[in-house]
Each structure stands twice: as structure tokens, then as C-alpha cells.
Amino acid sequence: MSIPSKSNPVKRAYRSERREQQASATRRDIVAAAQLLFERDGYAATTMTSIAAEAGVAVETIYRSFEGKAGLIEAVVEAAVAGGAERAERAVEDRPAIRKVIDEPDPRRKLELYAATQPGIQQRSAPLLRALRAGASTDPGLGEVLARLENQRLEGLGRFAQHLKDSGALRRGLSVEAARDLIWTINSQVLFDLLVLERGWSLERYEKWIASMMIRSLLAPDPG
């Protein structure tokens, strides 16, 4: 007959894992609620109290999970780019769409697959980024959030440019840094706003254009 232990590592590990899962689920609920309210009411008009009510949590829970309202909108933008708060918890290279880009052997098709991710990303994140840019002019905290998000994007595209270089895809004479800057510019929210919102391009036309621009700018000309 076994004697129950006062300290059971298996049970503790199980309880710890369950608490982590519950905490992650709560964070995702808060992010979803905040995104809804930020997009509907605007950043300035959205209060932490209204977010807590929408998410069904206490205000203190939000402050324990995020660095204030500015930290919350940063998490919301990251979730919008990733396609959901759960996906945002993964490394960028481990997300299915990006993994597909990385694993594609054909350089042209690789860039076409990357371009295919952009309409959805822009539709989800552009409204939030516009609000961030508008608020950053008067709120230093939002300015810091915007700078961090831009740095993360630039670093990620730098890894993508290095991947293109390592796979022998970049045209001769084009540095990784120059390739990164081209990808960063072609896929920017500013160009999305100009072409889709101001000029009325369809998402399909926008996707084909950024794919063709990356192919012409980054890859060696087709010998055919």
C-alpha cells in the first residue's frame, strides 16, 4: 500500500500547466476584447474598464498581464499581424504561412507565397497601426510601442532577406540589408493605404503587384 505524498511533483506540474493554459486563454480573451474596442471606439476613447467588461475579467487582471494600455495595444497589433493571439505566442518562423514560405524551394514562388500573406495582415493590422501613429505624436508611450513594433518587423524581414541570400535567391550585388529594406518598403502599411484605400486597388491586384515588385527587385532576371 502506497502512502500519499504531501508533495507530488506530477500533480504540481499538472496544476502548473493548467494554470498556464488558463492564463494564456485569459490573455487571448483580453486581446480579442481590446482589439474589438480599439477598432470600434478608437484608442483614446477605450478605457481599461471597458476592456475588462468586454473580456469578462477584473481590471487588475489586465494590469497583471500587460504593461498598461500601451502594452495592451502592442499585444493587439502583434496578434493582428499573426492572425490571432494564439498564433502570436509562436515564433514567427513557426507560424504555418511563414513556414510554408521558408520551405518553398522556388524563389519566385517563395515571394509569391509571402505576398499572399500581406492582404490579410494589412487588413487586420492597418487600422490599429493608424491609431498608433496618430497617438504617438502626443503620447510618448505609444511612440515607444510603435518603434518596438517597427524594429521587430525590420528584424524579421532582415532574417527573411538573409534566408533568401543563404538559399542563393538574391540577385548578384544586392546586399542582405538592401534586400531587407526593399521588402520592408514594398510590404509597408503606407503603400497598402495608398494603393488599396486611396487608389481603390483590389486586394488581388495589390497582392500581385507586391509579388511582382519583390521578384523584380530581389531576384536575378529570368534567363528565359
Protein backbone atom coordinates (compact mmCIF):
# COMPACT_ATOMS: atom_id res chain seq x y z
CA MET A 1 0.00 0.00 0.00
CA SER A 2 1.46 3.35 -1.02
CA ILE A 3 1.40 6.33 1.30
CA PRO A 4 0.14 9.55 -0.33
CA SER A 5 2.91 12.08 -0.57
CA LYS A 6 2.39 15.60 0.70
CA SER A 7 4.43 16.84 -2.21
CA ASN A 8 3.55 15.24 -5.55
CA PRO A 9 5.66 16.67 -8.40
CA VAL A 10 3.38 15.14 -11.05
CA LYS A 11 0.29 16.82 -9.62
CA ARG A 12 2.14 20.09 -9.14
CA ALA A 13 3.32 20.02 -12.74
CA TYR A 14 -0.22 19.28 -13.92
CA ARG A 15 -1.67 22.12 -11.86
CA SER A 16 1.06 24.47 -13.08
CA GLU A 17 0.42 23.52 -16.71
CA ARG A 18 -3.31 24.03 -16.27
CA ARG A 19 -2.78 27.44 -14.66
CA GLU A 20 -0.54 28.46 -17.57
CA GLN A 21 -3.18 27.35 -20.06
CA GLN A 22 -5.85 29.31 -18.18
CA ALA A 23 -3.61 32.38 -18.04
CA SER A 24 -2.93 32.14 -21.80
CA ALA A 25 -6.66 31.79 -22.50
CA THR A 26 -7.38 34.84 -20.35
CA ARG A 27 -4.71 36.87 -22.18
CA ARG A 28 -6.24 35.89 -25.51
CA ASP A 29 -9.70 36.94 -24.31
CA ILE A 30 -8.33 40.31 -23.19
CA VAL A 31 -6.52 40.87 -26.50
CA ALA A 32 -9.65 40.00 -28.50
CA ALA A 33 -11.77 42.35 -26.40
CA ALA A 34 -9.23 45.17 -26.68
CA GLN A 35 -8.96 44.78 -30.46
CA LEU A 36 -12.74 44.97 -30.81
CA LEU A 37 -12.97 48.14 -28.73
CA PHE A 38 -9.87 49.84 -30.16
CA GLU A 39 -11.20 49.36 -33.69
CA ARG A 40 -14.76 50.33 -32.80
CA ASP A 41 -14.23 53.24 -30.41
CA GLY A 42 -10.62 54.30 -31.01
CA TYR A 43 -7.63 54.04 -28.73
CA ALA A 44 -8.23 57.22 -26.73
CA ALA A 45 -11.92 56.51 -26.05
CA THR A 46 -11.34 52.91 -24.98
CA THR A 47 -10.83 52.50 -21.24
CA MET A 48 -9.30 49.64 -19.33
CA THR A 49 -12.62 49.28 -17.53
CA SER A 50 -14.49 48.79 -20.80
CA ILE A 51 -11.93 46.24 -21.97
CA ALA A 52 -12.24 44.34 -18.69
CA ALA A 53 -16.03 44.30 -19.01
CA GLU A 54 -15.86 43.07 -22.61
CA ALA A 55 -13.36 40.34 -21.70
CA GLY A 56 -15.22 39.34 -18.52
CA VAL A 57 -12.24 39.90 -16.22
CA ALA A 58 -11.23 42.30 -13.47
CA VAL A 59 -9.27 45.42 -14.41
CA GLU A 60 -6.47 44.21 -12.13
CA THR A 61 -6.15 41.09 -14.27
CA ILE A 62 -5.34 43.22 -17.30
CA TYR A 63 -2.68 45.18 -15.42
CA ARG A 64 -1.11 41.93 -14.22
CA SER A 65 -0.96 40.61 -17.78
CA PHE A 66 0.08 43.71 -19.75
CA GLU A 67 2.14 46.85 -19.24
CA GLY A 68 -0.79 49.22 -19.15
CA LYS A 69 -2.92 50.34 -22.07
CA ALA A 70 0.07 50.96 -24.34
CA GLY A 71 1.36 47.44 -23.69
CA LEU A 72 -2.07 46.09 -24.46
CA ILE A 73 -2.34 47.74 -27.87
CA GLU A 74 1.15 46.42 -28.64
CA ALA A 75 -0.10 42.89 -27.94
CA VAL A 76 -3.22 43.57 -30.02
CA VAL A 77 -1.15 44.65 -33.04
CA GLU A 78 1.12 41.60 -32.70
CA ALA A 79 -1.95 39.35 -32.58
CA ALA A 80 -3.46 41.08 -35.62
CA VAL A 81 -0.27 40.56 -37.62
CA ALA A 82 -0.04 36.90 -36.58
CA GLY A 83 -3.69 36.17 -37.27
CA GLY A 84 -4.72 35.70 -33.64
CA ALA A 85 -3.35 35.89 -30.12
CA GLU A 86 -2.64 32.16 -30.03
CA ARG A 87 -0.51 32.33 -33.18
CA ALA A 88 1.28 35.38 -31.82
CA GLU A 89 2.60 33.20 -28.99
CA ARG A 90 4.65 31.22 -31.55
CA ALA A 91 7.91 32.33 -33.11
CA VAL A 92 7.26 33.97 -36.49
CA GLU A 93 9.12 31.21 -38.37
CA ASP A 94 6.92 28.57 -36.72
CA ARG A 95 3.65 30.03 -37.99
CA PRO A 96 2.14 27.88 -40.77
CA ALA A 97 2.07 30.50 -43.55
CA ILE A 98 5.64 31.64 -42.90
CA ARG A 99 6.86 28.06 -42.55
CA LYS A 100 5.40 27.40 -45.99
CA VAL A 101 7.34 30.37 -47.40
CA ILE A 102 10.59 29.17 -45.84
CA ASP A 103 10.18 25.59 -47.04
CA GLU A 104 9.33 26.55 -50.64
CA PRO A 105 12.40 25.82 -52.83
CA ASP A 106 11.48 28.00 -55.82
CA PRO A 107 12.48 31.67 -55.20
CA ARG A 108 9.69 33.19 -57.29
CA ARG A 109 7.06 31.02 -55.67
CA LYS A 110 8.58 31.81 -52.26
CA LEU A 111 8.00 35.53 -52.80
CA GLU A 112 4.52 34.92 -54.19
CA LEU A 113 3.63 32.96 -51.06
CA TYR A 114 4.96 35.76 -48.89
CA ALA A 115 2.95 38.32 -50.87
CA ALA A 116 -0.16 36.19 -50.30
CA THR A 117 0.17 36.76 -46.54
CA GLN A 118 0.09 40.54 -46.85
CA PRO A 119 -3.53 41.46 -47.71
CA GLY A 120 -4.81 39.70 -44.59
CA ILE A 121 -2.07 41.13 -42.37
CA GLN A 122 -2.72 44.65 -43.64
CA GLN A 123 -6.48 44.39 -43.26
CA ARG A 124 -6.11 43.20 -39.67
CA SER A 125 -3.30 45.46 -38.51
CA ALA A 126 -3.52 48.66 -40.58
CA PRO A 127 -6.42 50.22 -38.61
CA LEU A 128 -4.54 49.64 -35.36
CA LEU A 129 -1.27 50.99 -36.76
CA ARG A 130 -3.04 54.12 -37.97
CA ALA A 131 -4.37 54.67 -34.46
CA LEU A 132 -0.90 54.09 -33.05
CA ARG A 133 0.70 56.58 -35.44
CA ALA A 134 -1.95 59.18 -34.64
CA GLY A 135 -1.49 58.74 -30.91
CA ALA A 136 2.30 58.54 -30.99
CA SER A 137 2.59 62.24 -31.82
CA THR A 138 1.25 63.18 -28.38
CA ASP A 139 1.82 60.04 -26.27
CA PRO A 140 5.49 59.05 -25.73
CA GLY A 141 4.41 55.59 -24.56
CA LEU A 142 2.69 54.91 -27.88
CA GLY A 143 5.73 56.24 -29.70
CA GLU A 144 7.86 53.65 -27.92
CA VAL A 145 5.37 50.89 -28.81
CA LEU A 146 5.40 51.92 -32.46
CA ALA A 147 9.20 51.99 -32.52
CA ARG A 148 9.39 48.49 -30.99
CA LEU A 149 6.89 47.10 -33.48
CA GLU A 150 8.77 48.65 -36.41
CA ASN A 151 12.08 47.29 -35.11
CA GLN A 152 10.57 43.81 -34.74
CA ARG A 153 9.27 43.99 -38.30
CA LEU A 154 12.62 45.18 -39.64
CA GLU A 155 14.49 42.43 -37.78
CA GLY A 156 12.09 39.79 -39.07
CA LEU A 157 12.46 40.98 -42.65
CA GLY A 158 16.21 41.01 -42.16
CA ARG A 159 16.02 37.30 -41.30
CA PHE A 160 13.90 36.74 -44.40
CA ALA A 161 16.44 38.60 -46.57
CA GLN A 162 19.24 36.51 -45.05
CA HIS A 163 17.23 33.37 -45.81
CA LEU A 164 16.94 34.48 -49.46
CA LYS A 165 20.69 35.12 -49.54
CA ASP A 166 21.52 31.74 -47.97
CA SER A 167 19.30 29.94 -50.47
CA GLY A 168 21.07 31.67 -53.38
CA ALA A 169 17.98 33.60 -54.44
CA LEU A 170 19.18 37.23 -54.25
CA ARG A 171 20.43 38.81 -57.43
CA ARG A 172 24.15 39.46 -57.66
CA GLY A 173 25.33 42.65 -55.97
CA LEU A 174 22.29 43.03 -53.73
CA SER A 175 23.21 43.03 -50.05
CA VAL A 176 21.07 41.50 -47.33
CA GLU A 177 20.50 44.95 -45.84
CA ALA A 178 19.34 46.40 -49.17
CA ALA A 179 17.06 43.40 -49.76
CA ARG A 180 15.59 43.82 -46.28
CA ASP A 181 14.87 47.48 -46.93
CA LEU A 182 13.19 46.71 -50.25
CA ILE A 183 10.93 44.06 -48.69
CA TRP A 184 10.17 46.42 -45.80
CA THR A 185 9.14 49.21 -48.18
CA ILE A 186 7.16 47.17 -50.71
CA ASN A 187 5.11 45.49 -47.96
CA SER A 188 4.61 48.58 -45.82
CA GLN A 189 1.29 49.67 -44.39
CA VAL A 190 1.82 53.08 -46.02
CA LEU A 191 1.86 51.58 -49.53
CA PHE A 192 -1.16 49.42 -48.69
CA ASP A 193 -3.08 52.54 -47.65
CA LEU A 194 -2.04 54.43 -50.80
CA LEU A 195 -2.88 51.67 -53.26
CA VAL A 196 -5.88 49.93 -51.68
CA LEU A 197 -7.58 52.68 -49.68
CA GLU A 198 -6.74 55.78 -51.72
CA ARG A 199 -6.45 54.38 -55.24
CA GLY A 200 -9.06 51.67 -54.76
CA TRP A 201 -6.97 48.69 -55.83
CA SER A 202 -8.47 45.28 -55.15
CA LEU A 203 -6.66 43.04 -52.69
CA GLU A 204 -5.89 40.64 -55.55
CA ARG A 205 -4.27 43.39 -57.60
CA TYR A 206 -2.33 44.60 -54.57
CA GLU A 207 -1.04 41.08 -53.83
CA LYS A 208 0.07 40.51 -57.43
CA TRP A 209 1.79 43.89 -57.53
CA ILE A 210 3.85 43.38 -54.38
CA ALA A 211 4.80 39.89 -55.55
CA SER A 212 5.98 41.20 -58.92
CA MET A 213 7.85 44.10 -57.30
CA MET A 214 9.71 41.79 -54.93
CA ILE A 215 10.54 39.35 -57.73
CA ARG A 216 11.90 42.13 -59.97
CA SER A 217 13.76 43.89 -57.17
CA LEU A 218 15.28 40.91 -55.36
CA LEU A 219 15.84 38.05 -57.79
CA ALA A 220 18.13 37.63 -60.76
CA PRO A 221 16.34 38.16 -64.10
CA ASP A 222 14.77 35.07 -65.60
CA PRO A 223 17.23 33.82 -68.25
CA GLY A 224 14.26 32.87 -70.41
